[in-house]
C-alpha cells in the first residue's frame, strides 16, 4: 500500500500537534499507550460501516517500579475502505490532511481516556456530547496548521462541532 508512508507522516504530525496542545513532555506522551491497525488486521467486530476510525480498548501487562500492573492500551482501527471511499467521492479531499484530522481526533480520545477526563465506557446518551468536545478540541489543535487542504477538512467537520450527532 503506497499510502503507508502518508499514514506514518500523518501520525507523526497528529502526535506532535496533540502533544503540544496538551503540553506533554516526551515521557508524558509515552504513557498514552496506543497502536494503529489497518483494515487487513482488524477483526470483524472492529470494522465499521460509518466511522472512519474505531477506537478499541485493551490491556497489557506492564511494570511499574517493582511490580507488574495491567495497563490500558488503545487501538486506533483505521477503516481504510471508508477513508478511501471518502477520497474517491470528494475530489477536494486529500489523504494527508484527512488522516491528520482522523488521527488527531482519535488521539484526543486517547488523551481524554488516559487522563480520566472521560470514561471509555461512556453511556450512549453522553456519546454525542463527547464527540462534540473531541471535534472541537481537534479543531483547536489543527486550526493553525499550515497544510494544503487542511482548511477544507476542518470546514468539512464544522457541523460536527456544533450540531447533534446520530451515533450508534
Protein backbone atom coordinates (compact mmCIF):
# COMPACT_ATOMS: atom_id res chain seq x y z
CA UNK A 1 0.00 0.00 0.00
CA UNK A 2 1.70 3.19 -1.20
CA UNK A 3 -0.30 5.21 1.31
CA UNK A 4 1.59 3.72 4.30
CA UNK A 5 4.22 6.46 4.23
CA UNK A 6 1.40 9.02 4.26
CA UNK A 7 -0.18 7.21 7.22
CA UNK A 8 3.14 7.41 9.07
CA UNK A 9 3.61 11.10 8.25
CA UNK A 10 0.03 11.92 9.31
CA UNK A 11 0.50 10.10 12.61
CA UNK A 12 3.75 11.97 13.28
CA UNK A 13 2.04 15.33 12.69
CA UNK A 14 -1.01 14.38 14.77
CA UNK A 15 1.15 13.16 17.68
CA UNK A 16 3.26 16.31 17.59
CA UNK A 17 0.32 18.73 17.40
CA UNK A 18 -1.71 16.85 20.03
CA UNK A 19 1.25 16.59 22.41
CA UNK A 20 2.00 20.30 22.01
CA UNK A 21 -1.64 21.23 22.62
CA UNK A 22 -1.78 19.26 25.86
CA UNK A 23 1.78 20.40 26.75
CA UNK A 24 3.08 16.86 27.12
CA UNK A 25 6.73 16.07 27.59
CA UNK A 26 8.08 13.07 25.71
CA UNK A 27 7.73 10.96 28.88
CA UNK A 28 4.14 12.04 29.45
CA UNK A 29 3.22 11.24 25.84
CA UNK A 30 4.73 7.75 26.13
CA UNK A 31 2.32 6.93 28.98
CA UNK A 32 -0.55 7.16 26.50
CA UNK A 33 -0.29 3.68 25.01
CA UNK A 34 -1.84 3.06 21.60
CA UNK A 35 -1.21 1.38 18.29
CA UNK A 36 -2.59 1.78 14.78
CA UNK A 37 -4.40 -1.02 12.97
CA UNK A 38 -5.46 -1.03 9.34
CA UNK A 39 -8.37 -2.92 7.83
CA UNK A 40 -6.34 -6.00 6.95
CA UNK A 41 -5.51 -6.62 10.63
CA UNK A 42 -8.96 -5.92 12.09
CA UNK A 43 -11.35 -8.50 13.46
CA UNK A 44 -14.90 -8.32 12.08
CA UNK A 45 -16.20 -6.64 15.24
CA UNK A 46 -13.70 -3.77 14.77
CA UNK A 47 -14.93 -2.96 11.26
CA UNK A 48 -17.39 -0.09 10.97
CA UNK A 49 -19.91 0.78 8.31
CA UNK A 50 -19.81 4.51 9.13
CA UNK A 51 -16.82 5.56 11.30
CA UNK A 52 -13.51 6.50 9.68
CA UNK A 53 -11.68 5.06 12.68
CA UNK A 54 -12.76 3.00 15.65
CA UNK A 55 -11.01 3.22 19.00
CA UNK A 56 -10.77 -0.07 20.88
CA UNK A 57 -9.51 -0.54 24.40
CA UNK A 58 -7.42 -3.45 25.56
CA UNK A 59 -4.93 -4.04 28.31
CA UNK A 60 -1.39 -5.28 28.62
CA UNK A 61 0.91 -6.21 31.45
CA UNK A 62 3.47 -3.56 32.24
CA UNK A 63 5.88 -2.93 35.06
CA UNK A 64 5.55 -0.06 37.46
CA UNK A 65 8.69 0.16 39.56
CA UNK A 66 8.96 -3.23 41.22
CA UNK A 67 5.55 -4.79 40.48
CA UNK A 68 3.58 -5.86 37.44
CA UNK A 69 0.47 -3.88 36.62
CA UNK A 70 -2.22 -4.21 33.98
CA UNK A 71 -2.28 -1.07 31.82
CA UNK A 72 -4.85 0.25 29.37
CA UNK A 73 -3.88 0.08 25.73
CA UNK A 74 -5.81 1.60 22.83
CA UNK A 75 -6.04 0.53 19.22
CA UNK A 76 -6.87 3.12 16.57
CA UNK A 77 -8.55 0.94 13.96
CA UNK A 78 -8.46 2.76 10.64
CA UNK A 79 -11.36 1.99 8.37
CA UNK A 80 -9.38 2.06 5.12
CA UNK A 81 -12.39 1.23 2.98
CA UNK A 82 -14.36 4.25 4.27
CA UNK A 83 -11.39 6.63 4.15
CA UNK A 84 -10.59 5.68 0.55
CA UNK A 85 -14.29 5.83 -0.32
CA UNK A 86 -14.50 9.40 1.01
CA UNK A 87 -11.41 10.37 -1.00
CA UNK A 88 -12.98 8.89 -4.15
CA UNK A 89 -16.27 10.76 -3.59
CA UNK A 90 -14.72 14.15 -2.83
CA UNK A 91 -12.00 15.37 -5.19
CA UNK A 92 -11.20 18.30 -2.85
CA UNK A 93 -10.19 15.90 -0.08
CA UNK A 94 -6.53 14.87 0.17
CA UNK A 95 -5.19 11.91 2.11
CA UNK A 96 -2.57 13.62 4.30
CA UNK A 97 -4.75 16.34 5.88
CA UNK A 98 -7.67 13.91 6.14
CA UNK A 99 -5.56 11.36 8.04
CA UNK A 100 -4.07 14.08 10.25
CA UNK A 101 -7.61 15.04 11.25
CA UNK A 102 -8.64 11.42 11.86
CA UNK A 103 -5.54 10.62 13.92
CA UNK A 104 -5.74 13.84 15.92
CA UNK A 105 -9.39 13.15 16.69
CA UNK A 106 -8.60 9.64 17.94
CA UNK A 107 -5.55 10.81 19.90
CA UNK A 108 -7.73 13.38 21.68
CA UNK A 109 -9.98 10.49 22.75
CA UNK A 110 -6.92 8.56 23.96
CA UNK A 111 -5.70 11.55 25.97
CA UNK A 112 -9.13 12.11 27.49
CA UNK A 113 -9.47 8.45 28.48
CA UNK A 114 -5.92 8.07 29.80
CA UNK A 115 -6.15 11.28 31.86
CA UNK A 116 -9.60 10.38 33.21
CA UNK A 117 -11.26 13.37 31.58
CA UNK A 118 -13.78 10.93 30.15
CA UNK A 119 -14.54 7.27 30.74
CA UNK A 120 -14.03 4.88 27.83
CA UNK A 121 -17.28 3.08 28.58
CA UNK A 122 -19.33 6.26 28.31
CA UNK A 123 -23.11 5.78 28.36
CA UNK A 124 -24.67 6.08 24.92
CA UNK A 125 -26.65 9.15 25.99
CA UNK A 126 -23.37 11.07 26.56
CA UNK A 127 -21.56 9.97 23.38
CA UNK A 128 -22.84 12.86 21.28
CA UNK A 129 -21.51 15.40 23.77
CA UNK A 130 -18.15 13.63 23.93
CA UNK A 131 -17.88 13.63 20.14
CA UNK A 132 -18.65 17.37 20.02
CA UNK A 133 -15.96 18.03 22.65
CA UNK A 134 -13.43 15.92 20.74
CA UNK A 135 -14.25 17.52 17.37
CA UNK A 136 -13.96 21.00 18.93
CA UNK A 137 -10.61 20.08 20.54
CA UNK A 138 -9.37 18.59 17.27
CA UNK A 139 -10.26 21.85 15.52
CA UNK A 140 -8.38 23.89 18.15
CA UNK A 141 -5.31 21.68 17.73
CA UNK A 142 -5.27 21.87 13.92
CA UNK A 143 -6.73 25.30 13.12
CA UNK A 144 -3.31 26.94 12.67
CA UNK A 145 -1.67 24.03 10.84
CA UNK A 146 -0.40 25.35 7.54
CA UNK A 147 -1.02 22.50 5.14
CA UNK A 148 -2.77 22.48 1.77
CA UNK A 149 -6.40 21.34 2.09
CA UNK A 150 -6.32 21.32 5.92
CA UNK A 151 -8.81 24.20 5.97
CA UNK A 152 -11.07 22.17 3.70
CA UNK A 153 -11.01 19.21 6.10
CA UNK A 154 -11.65 21.46 9.10
CA UNK A 155 -14.56 23.17 7.39
CA UNK A 156 -15.98 19.78 6.37
CA UNK A 157 -16.21 18.81 10.05
CA UNK A 158 -17.54 22.17 11.24
CA UNK A 159 -21.05 20.78 11.72
CA UNK A 160 -19.73 18.01 13.98
CA UNK A 161 -18.57 20.66 16.41
CA UNK A 162 -21.91 22.43 16.68
CA UNK A 163 -24.81 20.08 16.00
CA UNK A 164 -26.31 16.95 17.45
CA UNK A 165 -24.92 13.77 16.00
CA UNK A 166 -26.59 10.45 15.50
CA UNK A 167 -24.13 7.84 16.74
CA UNK A 168 -24.94 4.19 17.01
